[in-house]
Amino acid sequence: MKSAHLVSILVATLFAAPVFAQNTNTPNVDKRQEAQQGRIAQGINSGALTSKEATNLEKRETKIENDKQAAKADGTVTKAERAKLQHEENKTSRKIFAKKHNAKVAPAAS
């Protein structure tokens, strides 16, 4: 009887442990950051982004990274923090598109 009770407690503990684990993973934000860095690099290489525009976009990406690290600092990234990061990513994505498709072009390398 005691061993059956002990086994049931161990099984319950194994299933409950992930609930109490710290959740600091941000895979969607990480993927978006990587993709947006690629878009910025492509814009620089094609001349669609001027150096000033690229610098501005990189500052935005740095702010998102800093906000992500701040969200992770307490050991848990909350739903609200994830929403804030996603909102920042969405805003930056729109800025990348707008800056790549405006009339400004980088001077040709000579």
PDB file of N, CA and C in Angstrom:
ATOM      1  N   MET A   1       0.812  -1.189   0.000  1.00  0.00           N
ATOM      2  CA  MET A   1       0.000   0.000   0.000  1.00  0.00           C
ATOM      3  C   MET A   1       0.859   1.258   0.000  1.00  0.00           C
ATOM      4  N   LYS A   2       1.894   1.249   0.856  1.00  0.00           N
ATOM      5  CA  LYS A   2       2.761   2.421   0.932  1.00  0.00           C
ATOM      6  C   LYS A   2       3.515   2.628  -0.372  1.00  0.00           C
ATOM      7  N   SER A   3       3.939   1.546  -0.998  1.00  0.00           N
ATOM      8  CA  SER A   3       4.687   1.686  -2.250  1.00  0.00           C
ATOM      9  C   SER A   3       3.787   2.203  -3.368  1.00  0.00           C
ATOM     10  N   ALA A   4       2.533   1.796  -3.391  1.00  0.00           N
ATOM     11  CA  ALA A   4       1.593   2.285  -4.403  1.00  0.00           C
ATOM     12  C   ALA A   4       1.342   3.777  -4.205  1.00  0.00           C
ATOM     13  N   HIS A   5       1.233   4.189  -2.965  1.00  0.00           N
ATOM     14  CA  HIS A   5       1.031   5.602  -2.648  1.00  0.00           C
ATOM     15  C   HIS A   5       2.257   6.417  -3.058  1.00  0.00           C
ATOM     16  N   LEU A   6       3.445   5.867  -2.774  1.00  0.00           N
ATOM     17  CA  LEU A   6       4.693   6.541  -3.132  1.00  0.00           C
ATOM     18  C   LEU A   6       4.830   6.677  -4.650  1.00  0.00           C
ATOM     19  N   VAL A   7       4.467   5.622  -5.378  1.00  0.00           N
ATOM     20  CA  VAL A   7       4.538   5.647  -6.841  1.00  0.00           C
ATOM     21  C   VAL A   7       3.578   6.697  -7.398  1.00  0.00           C
ATOM     22  N   SER A   8       2.382   6.763  -6.846  1.00  0.00           N
ATOM     23  CA  SER A   8       1.416   7.749  -7.350  1.00  0.00           C
ATOM     24  C   SER A   8       1.900   9.180  -7.087  1.00  0.00           C
ATOM     25  N   ILE A   9       2.551   9.404  -5.951  1.00  0.00           N
ATOM     26  CA  ILE A   9       3.101  10.728  -5.660  1.00  0.00           C
ATOM     27  C   ILE A   9       4.225  11.062  -6.630  1.00  0.00           C
ATOM     28  N   LEU A  10       5.084  10.094  -6.917  1.00  0.00           N
ATOM     29  CA  LEU A  10       6.188  10.322  -7.860  1.00  0.00           C
ATOM     30  C   LEU A  10       5.662  10.635  -9.258  1.00  0.00           C
ATOM     31  N   VAL A  11       4.658   9.895  -9.695  1.00  0.00           N
ATOM     32  CA  VAL A  11       4.075  10.127 -11.023  1.00  0.00           C
ATOM     33  C   VAL A  11       3.449  11.519 -11.083  1.00  0.00           C
ATOM     34  N   ALA A  12       2.720  11.897 -10.056  1.00  0.00           N
ATOM     35  CA  ALA A  12       2.097  13.225 -10.024  1.00  0.00           C
ATOM     36  C   ALA A  12       3.154  14.314 -10.038  1.00  0.00           C
ATOM     37  N   THR A  13       4.249  14.098  -9.342  1.00  0.00           N
ATOM     38  CA  THR A  13       5.331  15.070  -9.309  1.00  0.00           C
ATOM     39  C   THR A  13       5.974  15.220 -10.683  1.00  0.00           C
ATOM     40  N   LEU A  14       6.145  14.125 -11.379  1.00  0.00           N
ATOM     41  CA  LEU A  14       6.758  14.184 -12.712  1.00  0.00           C
ATOM     42  C   LEU A  14       5.906  14.988 -13.675  1.00  0.00           C
ATOM     43  N   PHE A  15       4.578  14.839 -13.588  1.00  0.00           N
ATOM     44  CA  PHE A  15       3.715  15.574 -14.492  1.00  0.00           C
ATOM     45  C   PHE A  15       3.534  17.027 -14.079  1.00  0.00           C
ATOM     46  N   ALA A  16       3.694  17.320 -12.814  1.00  0.00           N
ATOM     47  CA  ALA A  16       3.528  18.693 -12.325  1.00  0.00           C
ATOM     48  C   ALA A  16       4.793  19.523 -12.493  1.00  0.00           C
ATOM     49  N   ALA A  17       5.942  18.895 -12.575  1.00  0.00           N
ATOM     50  CA  ALA A  17       7.212  19.620 -12.642  1.00  0.00           C
ATOM     51  C   ALA A  17       7.288  20.615 -13.800  1.00  0.00           C
ATOM     52  N   PRO A  18       6.853  20.255 -15.014  1.00  0.00           N
ATOM     53  CA  PRO A  18       6.933  21.231 -16.106  1.00  0.00           C
ATOM     54  C   PRO A  18       6.096  22.485 -15.868  1.00  0.00           C
ATOM     55  N   VAL A  19       5.049  22.374 -15.083  1.00  0.00           N
ATOM     56  CA  VAL A  19       4.212  23.529 -14.798  1.00  0.00           C
ATOM     57  C   VAL A  19       4.993  24.578 -14.017  1.00  0.00           C
ATOM     58  N   PHE A  20       5.874  24.112 -13.141  1.00  0.00           N
ATOM     59  CA  PHE A  20       6.640  25.020 -12.305  1.00  0.00           C
ATOM     60  C   PHE A  20       7.969  25.420 -12.937  1.00  0.00           C
ATOM     61  N   ALA A  21       8.292  24.877 -14.078  1.00  0.00           N
ATOM     62  CA  ALA A  21       9.554  25.221 -14.745  1.00  0.00           C
ATOM     63  C   ALA A  21       9.502  26.665 -15.221  1.00  0.00           C
ATOM     64  N   GLN A  22      10.653  27.305 -15.219  1.00  0.00           N
ATOM     65  CA  GLN A  22      10.720  28.682 -15.680  1.00  0.00           C
ATOM     66  C   GLN A  22      10.615  28.709 -17.201  1.00  0.00           C
ATOM     67  N   ASN A  23       9.781  29.584 -17.701  1.00  0.00           N
ATOM     68  CA  ASN A  23       9.550  29.668 -19.140  1.00  0.00           C
ATOM     69  C   ASN A  23      10.165  30.957 -19.672  1.00  0.00           C
ATOM     70  N   THR A  24      11.374  30.838 -20.158  1.00  0.00           N
ATOM     71  CA  THR A  24      12.048  32.007 -20.733  1.00  0.00           C
ATOM     72  C   THR A  24      12.334  31.802 -22.218  1.00  0.00           C
ATOM     73  N   ASN A  25      11.744  30.782 -22.809  1.00  0.00           N
ATOM     74  CA  ASN A  25      11.956  30.547 -24.241  1.00  0.00           C
ATOM     75  C   ASN A  25      11.150  31.558 -25.047  1.00  0.00           C
ATOM     76  N   THR A  26      11.778  32.087 -26.069  1.00  0.00           N
ATOM     77  CA  THR A  26      11.101  33.013 -26.979  1.00  0.00           C
ATOM     78  C   THR A  26      11.419  32.621 -28.421  1.00  0.00           C
ATOM     79  N   PRO A  27      11.032  31.414 -28.830  1.00  0.00           N
ATOM     80  CA  PRO A  27      11.423  30.954 -30.171  1.00  0.00           C
ATOM     81  C   PRO A  27      10.835  31.788 -31.302  1.00  0.00           C
ATOM     82  N   ASN A  28       9.600  32.266 -31.155  1.00  0.00           N
ATOM     83  CA  ASN A  28       9.003  33.068 -32.227  1.00  0.00           C
ATOM     84  C   ASN A  28       9.717  34.404 -32.380  1.00  0.00           C
ATOM     85  N   VAL A  29      10.049  35.020 -31.266  1.00  0.00           N
ATOM     86  CA  VAL A  29      10.767  36.297 -31.316  1.00  0.00           C
ATOM     87  C   VAL A  29      12.147  36.076 -31.921  1.00  0.00           C
ATOM     88  N   ASP A  30      12.817  34.991 -31.513  1.00  0.00           N
ATOM     89  CA  ASP A  30      14.151  34.693 -32.040  1.00  0.00           C
ATOM     90  C   ASP A  30      14.115  34.505 -33.563  1.00  0.00           C
ATOM     91  N   LYS A  31      13.111  33.765 -34.048  1.00  0.00           N
ATOM     92  CA  LYS A  31      12.981  33.535 -35.500  1.00  0.00           C
ATOM     93  C   LYS A  31      12.713  34.845 -36.240  1.00  0.00           C
ATOM     94  N   ARG A  32      11.844  35.670 -35.671  1.00  0.00           N
ATOM     95  CA  ARG A  32      11.528  36.942 -36.316  1.00  0.00           C
ATOM     96  C   ARG A  32      12.740  37.855 -36.350  1.00  0.00           C
ATOM     97  N   GLN A  33      13.499  37.882 -35.247  1.00  0.00           N
ATOM     98  CA  GLN A  33      14.694  38.720 -35.220  1.00  0.00           C
ATOM     99  C   GLN A  33      15.674  38.279 -36.302  1.00  0.00           C
ATOM    100  N   GLU A  34      15.849  36.988 -36.429  1.00  0.00           N
ATOM    101  CA  GLU A  34      16.773  36.458 -37.439  1.00  0.00           C
ATOM    102  C   GLU A  34      16.290  36.811 -38.848  1.00  0.00           C
ATOM    103  N   ALA A  35      15.006  36.638 -39.090  1.00  0.00           N
ATOM    104  CA  ALA A  35      14.452  36.946 -40.409  1.00  0.00           C
ATOM    105  C   ALA A  35      14.575  38.436 -40.723  1.00  0.00           C
ATOM    106  N   GLN A  36      14.299  39.274 -39.753  1.00  0.00           N
ATOM    107  CA  GLN A  36      14.361  40.715 -39.986  1.00  0.00           C
ATOM    108  C   GLN A  36      15.792  41.183 -40.162  1.00  0.00           C
ATOM    109  N   GLN A  37      16.732  40.565 -39.484  1.00  0.00           N
ATOM    110  CA  GLN A  37      18.145  40.887 -39.717  1.00  0.00           C
ATOM    111  C   GLN A  37      18.523  40.539 -41.158  1.00  0.00           C
ATOM    112  N   GLY A  38      18.012  39.422 -41.652  1.00  0.00           N
ATOM    113  CA  GLY A  38      18.255  39.035 -43.043  1.00  0.00           C
ATOM    114  C   GLY A  38      17.659  40.028 -44.024  1.00  0.00           C
ATOM    115  N   ARG A  39      16.462  40.512 -43.721  1.00  0.00           N
ATOM    116  CA  ARG A  39      15.811  41.497 -44.591  1.00  0.00           C
ATOM    117  C   ARG A  39      16.601  42.802 -44.619  1.00  0.00           C
ATOM    118  N   ILE A  40      17.109  43.205 -43.462  1.00  0.00           N
ATOM    119  CA  ILE A  40      17.914  44.436 -43.406  1.00  0.00           C
ATOM    120  C   ILE A  40      19.204  44.244 -44.207  1.00  0.00           C
ATOM    121  N   ALA A  41      19.864  43.107 -44.012  1.00  0.00           N
ATOM    122  CA  ALA A  41      21.107  42.829 -44.744  1.00  0.00           C
ATOM    123  C   ALA A  41      20.856  42.812 -46.249  1.00  0.00           C
ATOM    124  N   GLN A  42      19.761  42.211 -46.663  1.00  0.00           N
ATOM    125  CA  GLN A  42      19.428  42.150 -48.092  1.00  0.00           C
ATOM    126  C   GLN A  42      19.193  43.553 -48.630  1.00  0.00           C
ATOM    127  N   GLY A  43      18.532  44.402 -47.827  1.00  0.00           N
ATOM    128  CA  GLY A  43      18.283  45.782 -48.249  1.00  0.00           C
ATOM    129  C   GLY A  43      19.564  46.581 -48.396  1.00  0.00           C
ATOM    130  N   ILE A  44      20.511  46.329 -47.502  1.00  0.00           N
ATOM    131  CA  ILE A  44      21.809  47.003 -47.587  1.00  0.00           C
ATOM    132  C   ILE A  44      22.546  46.545 -48.835  1.00  0.00           C
ATOM    133  N   ASN A  45      22.573  45.231 -49.066  1.00  0.00           N
ATOM    134  CA  ASN A  45      23.282  44.665 -50.218  1.00  0.00           C
ATOM    135  C   ASN A  45      22.688  45.113 -51.545  1.00  0.00           C
ATOM    136  N   SER A  46      21.379  45.250 -51.607  1.00  0.00           N
ATOM    137  CA  SER A  46      20.741  45.644 -52.864  1.00  0.00           C
ATOM    138  C   SER A  46      20.757  47.154 -53.085  1.00  0.00           C
ATOM    139  N   GLY A  47      21.062  47.904 -52.019  1.00  0.00           N
ATOM    140  CA  GLY A  47      21.049  49.360 -52.136  1.00  0.00           C
ATOM    141  C   GLY A  47      19.688  49.967 -51.840  1.00  0.00           C
ATOM    142  N   ALA A  48      18.717  49.129 -51.471  1.00  0.00           N
ATOM    143  CA  ALA A  48      17.379  49.628 -51.165  1.00  0.00           C
ATOM    144  C   ALA A  48      17.349  50.396 -49.846  1.00  0.00           C
ATOM    145  N   LEU A  49      18.324  50.141 -48.974  1.00  0.00           N
ATOM    146  CA  LEU A  49      18.418  50.841 -47.701  1.00  0.00           C
ATOM    147  C   LEU A  49      19.677  51.711 -47.690  1.00  0.00           C
ATOM    148  N   THR A  50      19.510  52.951 -47.286  1.00  0.00           N
ATOM    149  CA  THR A  50      20.676  53.806 -47.096  1.00  0.00           C
ATOM    150  C   THR A  50      21.319  53.430 -45.765  1.00  0.00           C
ATOM    151  N   SER A  51      22.521  53.902 -45.534  1.00  0.00           N
ATOM    152  CA  SER A  51      23.196  53.573 -44.271  1.00  0.00           C
ATOM    153  C   SER A  51      22.436  54.166 -43.087  1.00  0.00           C
ATOM    154  N   LYS A  52      21.857  55.340 -43.255  1.00  0.00           N
ATOM    155  CA  LYS A  52      21.083  55.964 -42.185  1.00  0.00           C
ATOM    156  C   LYS A  52      19.832  55.140 -41.868  1.00  0.00           C
ATOM    157  N   GLU A  53      19.154  54.677 -42.903  1.00  0.00           N
ATOM    158  CA  GLU A  53      17.971  53.843 -42.698  1.00  0.00           C
ATOM    159  C   GLU A  53      18.339  52.530 -42.009  1.00  0.00           C
ATOM    160  N   ALA A  54      19.426  51.923 -42.453  1.00  0.00           N
ATOM    161  CA  ALA A  54      19.866  50.660 -41.863  1.00  0.00           C
ATOM    162  C   ALA A  54      20.242  50.845 -40.396  1.00  0.00           C
ATOM    163  N   THR A  55      20.901  51.950 -40.082  1.00  0.00           N
ATOM    164  CA  THR A  55      21.278  52.245 -38.696  1.00  0.00           C
ATOM    165  C   THR A  55      20.031  52.387 -37.833  1.00  0.00           C
ATOM    166  N   ASN A  56      19.021  53.081 -38.338  1.00  0.00           N
ATOM    167  CA  ASN A  56      17.772  53.260 -37.610  1.00  0.00           C
ATOM    168  C   ASN A  56      17.095  51.909 -37.355  1.00  0.00           C
ATOM    169  N   LEU A  57      17.068  51.065 -38.362  1.00  0.00           N
ATOM    170  CA  LEU A  57      16.449  49.740 -38.221  1.00  0.00           C
ATOM    171  C   LEU A  57      17.230  48.866 -37.243  1.00  0.00           C
ATOM    172  N   GLU A  58      18.540  48.964 -37.281  1.00  0.00           N
ATOM    173  CA  GLU A  58      19.370  48.187 -36.352  1.00  0.00           C
ATOM    174  C   GLU A  58      19.136  48.636 -34.911  1.00  0.00           C
ATOM    175  N   LYS A  59      18.913  49.930 -34.712  1.00  0.00           N
ATOM    176  CA  LYS A  59      18.602  50.432 -33.368  1.00  0.00           C
ATOM    177  C   LYS A  59      17.295  49.835 -32.864  1.00  0.00           C
ATOM    178  N   ARG A  60      16.323  49.723 -33.760  1.00  0.00           N
ATOM    179  CA  ARG A  60      15.040  49.106 -33.395  1.00  0.00           C
ATOM    180  C   ARG A  60      15.247  47.645 -32.994  1.00  0.00           C
ATOM    181  N   GLU A  61      16.053  46.941 -33.761  1.00  0.00           N
ATOM    182  CA  GLU A  61      16.322  45.529 -33.456  1.00  0.00           C
ATOM    183  C   GLU A  61      17.058  45.391 -32.118  1.00  0.00           C
ATOM    184  N   THR A  62      17.969  46.306 -31.838  1.00  0.00           N
ATOM    185  CA  THR A  62      18.693  46.290 -30.560  1.00  0.00           C
ATOM    186  C   THR A  62      17.731  46.519 -29.404  1.00  0.00           C
ATOM    187  N   LYS A  63      16.771  47.431 -29.582  1.00  0.00           N
ATOM    188  CA  LYS A  63      15.783  47.685 -28.532  1.00  0.00           C
ATOM    189  C   LYS A  63      14.941  46.443 -28.273  1.00  0.00           C
ATOM    190  N   ILE A  64      14.550  45.747 -29.330  1.00  0.00           N
ATOM    191  CA  ILE A  64      13.766  44.520 -29.162  1.00  0.00           C
ATOM    192  C   ILE A  64      14.582  43.482 -28.397  1.00  0.00           C
ATOM    193  N   GLU A  65      15.852  43.346 -28.737  1.00  0.00           N
ATOM    194  CA  GLU A  65      16.724  42.398 -28.034  1.00  0.00           C
ATOM    195  C   GLU A  65      16.846  42.774 -26.560  1.00  0.00           C
ATOM    196  N   ASN A  66      17.024  44.053 -26.270  1.00  0.00           N
ATOM    197  CA  ASN A  66      17.122  44.500 -24.881  1.00  0.00           C
ATOM    198  C   ASN A  66      15.824  44.238 -24.121  1.00  0.00           C
ATOM    199  N   ASP A  67      14.684  44.492 -24.768  1.00  0.00           N
ATOM    200  CA  ASP A  67      13.391  44.226 -24.134  1.00  0.00           C
ATOM    201  C   ASP A  67      13.198  42.726 -23.893  1.00  0.00           C
ATOM    202  N   LYS A  68      13.667  41.910 -24.824  1.00  0.00           N
ATOM    203  CA  LYS A  68      13.561  40.455 -24.660  1.00  0.00           C
ATOM    204  C   LYS A  68      14.395  39.997 -23.470  1.00  0.00           C
ATOM    205  N   GLN A  69      15.609  40.520 -23.354  1.00  0.00           N
ATOM    206  CA  GLN A  69      16.467  40.152 -22.227  1.00  0.00           C
ATOM    207  C   GLN A  69      15.869  40.629 -20.904  1.00  0.00           C
ATOM    208  N   ALA A  70      15.250  41.801 -20.898  1.00  0.00           N
ATOM    209  CA  ALA A  70      14.609  42.308 -19.686  1.00  0.00           C
ATOM    210  C   ALA A  70      13.423  41.430 -19.296  1.00  0.00           C
ATOM    211  N   ALA A  71      12.681  40.959 -20.289  1.00  0.00           N
ATOM    212  CA  ALA A  71      11.543  40.081 -20.015  1.00  0.00           C
ATOM    213  C   ALA A  71      12.006  38.750 -19.429  1.00  0.00           C
ATOM    214  N   LYS A  72      13.145  38.272 -19.878  1.00  0.00           N
ATOM    215  CA  LYS A  72      13.680  36.998 -19.395  1.00  0.00           C
ATOM    216  C   LYS A  72      14.355  37.125 -18.022  1.00  0.00           C
ATOM    217  N   ALA A  73      14.687  38.326 -17.612  1.00  0.00           N
ATOM    218  CA  ALA A  73      15.497  38.546 -16.416  1.00  0.00           C
ATOM    219  C   ALA A  73      14.889  37.967 -15.146  1.00  0.00           C
ATOM    220  N   ASP A  74      13.578  37.996 -15.022  1.00  0.00           N
ATOM    221  CA  ASP A  74      12.955  37.484 -13.805  1.00  0.00           C
ATOM    222  C   ASP A  74      12.661  35.986 -13.868  1.00  0.00           C
ATOM    223  N   GLY A  75      13.029  35.346 -14.965  1.00  0.00           N
ATOM    224  CA  GLY A  75      12.864  33.902 -15.088  1.00  0.00           C
ATOM    225  C   GLY A  75      11.616  33.466 -15.818  1.00  0.00           C
ATOM    226  N   THR A  76      10.716  34.382 -16.123  1.00  0.00           N
ATOM    227  CA  THR A  76       9.483  34.036 -16.822  1.00  0.00           C
ATOM    228  C   THR A  76       9.143  35.138 -17.813  1.00  0.00           C
ATOM    229  N   VAL A  77       8.811  34.743 -19.025  1.00  0.00           N
ATOM    230  CA  VAL A  77       8.331  35.700 -20.019  1.00  0.00           C
ATOM    231  C   VAL A  77       6.810  35.564 -20.023  1.00  0.00           C
ATOM    232  N   THR A  78       6.131  36.593 -19.535  1.00  0.00           N
ATOM    233  CA  THR A  78       4.680  36.537 -19.411  1.00  0.00           C
ATOM    234  C   THR A  78       3.996  36.714 -20.761  1.00  0.00           C
ATOM    235  N   LYS A  79       2.705  36.437 -20.773  1.00  0.00           N
ATOM    236  CA  LYS A  79       1.918  36.606 -21.988  1.00  0.00           C
ATOM    237  C   LYS A  79       1.937  38.065 -22.439  1.00  0.00           C
ATOM    238  N   ALA A  80       1.864  38.983 -21.493  1.00  0.00           N
ATOM    239  CA  ALA A  80       1.891  40.417 -21.819  1.00  0.00           C
ATOM    240  C   ALA A  80       3.242  40.817 -22.405  1.00  0.00           C
ATOM    241  N   GLU A  81       4.319  40.269 -21.849  1.00  0.00           N
ATOM    242  CA  GLU A  81       5.654  40.578 -22.374  1.00  0.00           C
ATOM    243  C   GLU A  81       5.819  40.021 -23.781  1.00  0.00           C
ATOM    244  N   ARG A  82       5.295  38.821 -24.018  1.00  0.00           N
ATOM    245  CA  ARG A  82       5.342  38.245 -25.367  1.00  0.00           C
ATOM    246  C   ARG A  82       4.559  39.105 -26.346  1.00  0.00           C
ATOM    247  N   ALA A  83       3.394  39.579 -25.920  1.00  0.00           N
ATOM    248  CA  ALA A  83       2.573  40.434 -26.788  1.00  0.00           C
ATOM    249  C   ALA A  83       3.300  41.731 -27.112  1.00  0.00           C
ATOM    250  N   LYS A  84       3.973  42.311 -26.119  1.00  0.00           N
ATOM    251  CA  LYS A  84       4.731  43.546 -26.346  1.00  0.00           C
ATOM    252  C   LYS A  84       5.852  43.307 -27.351  1.00  0.00           C
ATOM    253  N   LEU A  85       6.577  42.195 -27.185  1.00  0.00           N
ATOM    254  CA  LEU A  85       7.664  41.879 -28.117  1.00  0.00           C
ATOM    255  C   LEU A  85       7.120  41.659 -29.521  1.00  0.00           C
ATOM    256  N   GLN A  86       6.000  40.958 -29.626  1.00  0.00           N
ATOM    257  CA  GLN A  86       5.409  40.721 -30.947  1.00  0.00           C
ATOM    258  C   GLN A  86       4.969  42.040 -31.579  1.00  0.00           C
ATOM    259  N   HIS A  87       4.392  42.936 -30.775  1.00  0.00           N
ATOM    260  CA  HIS A  87       3.981  44.246 -31.293  1.00  0.00           C
ATOM    261  C   HIS A  87       5.190  45.020 -31.823  1.00  0.00           C
ATOM    262  N   GLU A  88       6.294  44.990 -31.075  1.00  0.00           N
ATOM    263  CA  GLU A  88       7.515  45.672 -31.515  1.00  0.00           C
ATOM    264  C   GLU A  88       8.039  45.058 -32.811  1.00  0.00           C
ATOM    265  N   GLU A  89       8.000  43.728 -32.901  1.00  0.00           N
ATOM    266  CA  GLU A  89       8.453  43.040 -34.120  1.00  0.00           C
ATOM    267  C   GLU A  89       7.575  43.428 -35.306  1.00  0.00           C
ATOM    268  N   ASN A  90       6.271  43.479 -35.103  1.00  0.00           N
ATOM    269  CA  ASN A  90       5.350  43.860 -36.180  1.00  0.00           C
ATOM    270  C   ASN A  90       5.631  45.279 -36.666  1.00  0.00           C
ATOM    271  N   LYS A  91       5.832  46.185 -35.722  1.00  0.00           N
ATOM    272  CA  LYS A  91       6.102  47.581 -36.065  1.00  0.00           C
ATOM    273  C   LYS A  91       7.416  47.702 -36.838  1.00  0.00           C
ATOM    274  N   THR A  92       8.437  46.997 -36.382  1.00  0.00           N
ATOM    275  CA  THR A  92       9.735  47.032 -37.063  1.00  0.00           C
ATOM    276  C   THR A  92       9.630  46.422 -38.455  1.00  0.00           C
ATOM    277  N   SER A  93       8.858  45.359 -38.593  1.00  0.00           N
ATOM    278  CA  SER A  93       8.676  44.730 -39.898  1.00  0.00           C
ATOM    279  C   SER A  93       8.065  45.717 -40.891  1.00  0.00           C
ATOM    280  N   ARG A  94       7.062  46.452 -40.442  1.00  0.00           N
ATOM    281  CA  ARG A  94       6.442  47.459 -41.318  1.00  0.00           C
ATOM    282  C   ARG A  94       7.440  48.554 -41.687  1.00  0.00           C
ATOM    283  N   LYS A  95       8.281  48.951 -40.723  1.00  0.00           N
ATOM    284  CA  LYS A  95       9.299  49.974 -40.996  1.00  0.00           C
ATOM    285  C   LYS A  95      10.320  49.471 -42.015  1.00  0.00           C
ATOM    286  N   ILE A  96      10.729  48.213 -41.880  1.00  0.00           N
ATOM    287  CA  ILE A  96      11.683  47.646 -42.844  1.00  0.00           C
ATOM    288  C   ILE A  96      11.084  47.711 -44.240  1.00  0.00           C
ATOM    289  N   PHE A  97       9.845  47.282 -44.368  1.00  0.00           N
ATOM    290  CA  PHE A  97       9.193  47.309 -45.676  1.00  0.00           C
ATOM    291  C   PHE A  97       9.132  48.731 -46.222  1.00  0.00           C
ATOM    292  N   ALA A  98       8.697  49.659 -45.382  1.00  0.00           N
ATOM    293  CA  ALA A  98       8.543  51.050 -45.836  1.00  0.00           C
ATOM    294  C   ALA A  98       9.873  51.644 -46.268  1.00  0.00           C
ATOM    295  N   LYS A  99      10.915  51.399 -45.509  1.00  0.00           N
ATOM    296  CA  LYS A  99      12.224  51.976 -45.833  1.00  0.00           C
ATOM    297  C   LYS A  99      12.847  51.309 -47.059  1.00  0.00           C
ATOM    298  N   LYS A 100      12.582  50.017 -47.256  1.00  0.00           N
ATOM    299  CA  LYS A 100      13.121  49.346 -48.438  1.00  0.00           C
ATOM    300  C   LYS A 100      12.398  49.767 -49.713  1.00  0.00           C
ATOM    301  N   HIS A 101      11.153  50.239 -49.571  1.00  0.00           N
ATOM    302  CA  HIS A 101      10.366  50.559 -50.750  1.00  0.00           C
ATOM    303  C   HIS A 101      10.128  52.057 -50.937  1.00  0.00           C
ATOM    304  N   ASN A 102      10.869  52.874 -50.226  1.00  0.00           N
ATOM    305  CA  ASN A 102      10.734  54.313 -50.440  1.00  0.00           C
ATOM    306  C   ASN A 102      11.651  54.738 -51.593  1.00  0.00           C
ATOM    307  N   ALA A 103      11.664  56.009 -51.904  1.00  0.00           N
ATOM    308  CA  ALA A 103      12.422  56.522 -53.045  1.00  0.00           C
ATOM    309  C   ALA A 103      13.924  56.629 -52.762  1.00  0.00           C
ATOM    310  N   LYS A 104      14.331  56.514 -51.501  1.00  0.00           N
ATOM    311  CA  LYS A 104      15.738  56.656 -51.156  1.00  0.00           C
ATOM    312  C   LYS A 104      16.499  55.386 -51.511  1.00  0.00           C
ATOM    313  N   VAL A 105      17.671  55.579 -52.111  1.00  0.00           N
ATOM    314  CA  VAL A 105      18.554  54.457 -52.427  1.00  0.00           C
ATOM    315  C   VAL A 105      19.957  54.798 -51.994  1.00  0.00           C
ATOM    316  N   ALA A 106      20.695  53.781 -51.652  1.00  0.00           N
ATOM    317  CA  ALA A 106      22.092  53.986 -51.256  1.00  0.00           C
ATOM    318  C   ALA A 106      22.910  54.340 -52.483  1.00  0.00           C
ATOM    319  N   PRO A 107      23.912  55.197 -52.333  1.00  0.00           N
ATOM    320  CA  PRO A 107      24.772  55.521 -53.472  1.00  0.00           C
ATOM    321  C   PRO A 107      25.523  54.276 -53.939  1.00  0.00           C
ATOM    322  N   ALA A 108      25.719  54.174 -55.224  1.00  0.00           N
ATOM    323  CA  ALA A 108      26.410  53.025 -55.797  1.00  0.00           C
ATOM    324  C   ALA A 108      27.860  53.003 -55.348  1.00  0.00           C
ATOM    325  N   ALA A 109      28.340  51.820 -55.025  1.00  0.00           N
ATOM    326  CA  ALA A 109      29.755  51.668 -54.619  1.00  0.00           C
ATOM    327  C   ALA A 109      30.641  51.840 -55.849  1.00  0.00           C
ATOM    328  N   SER A 110      31.710  52.577 -55.671  1.00  0.00           N
ATOM    329  CA  SER A 110      32.600  52.760 -56.829  1.00  0.00           C
ATOM    330  C   SER A 110      33.905  52.085 -56.645  1.00  0.00           C
TER     331      SER A 110
END
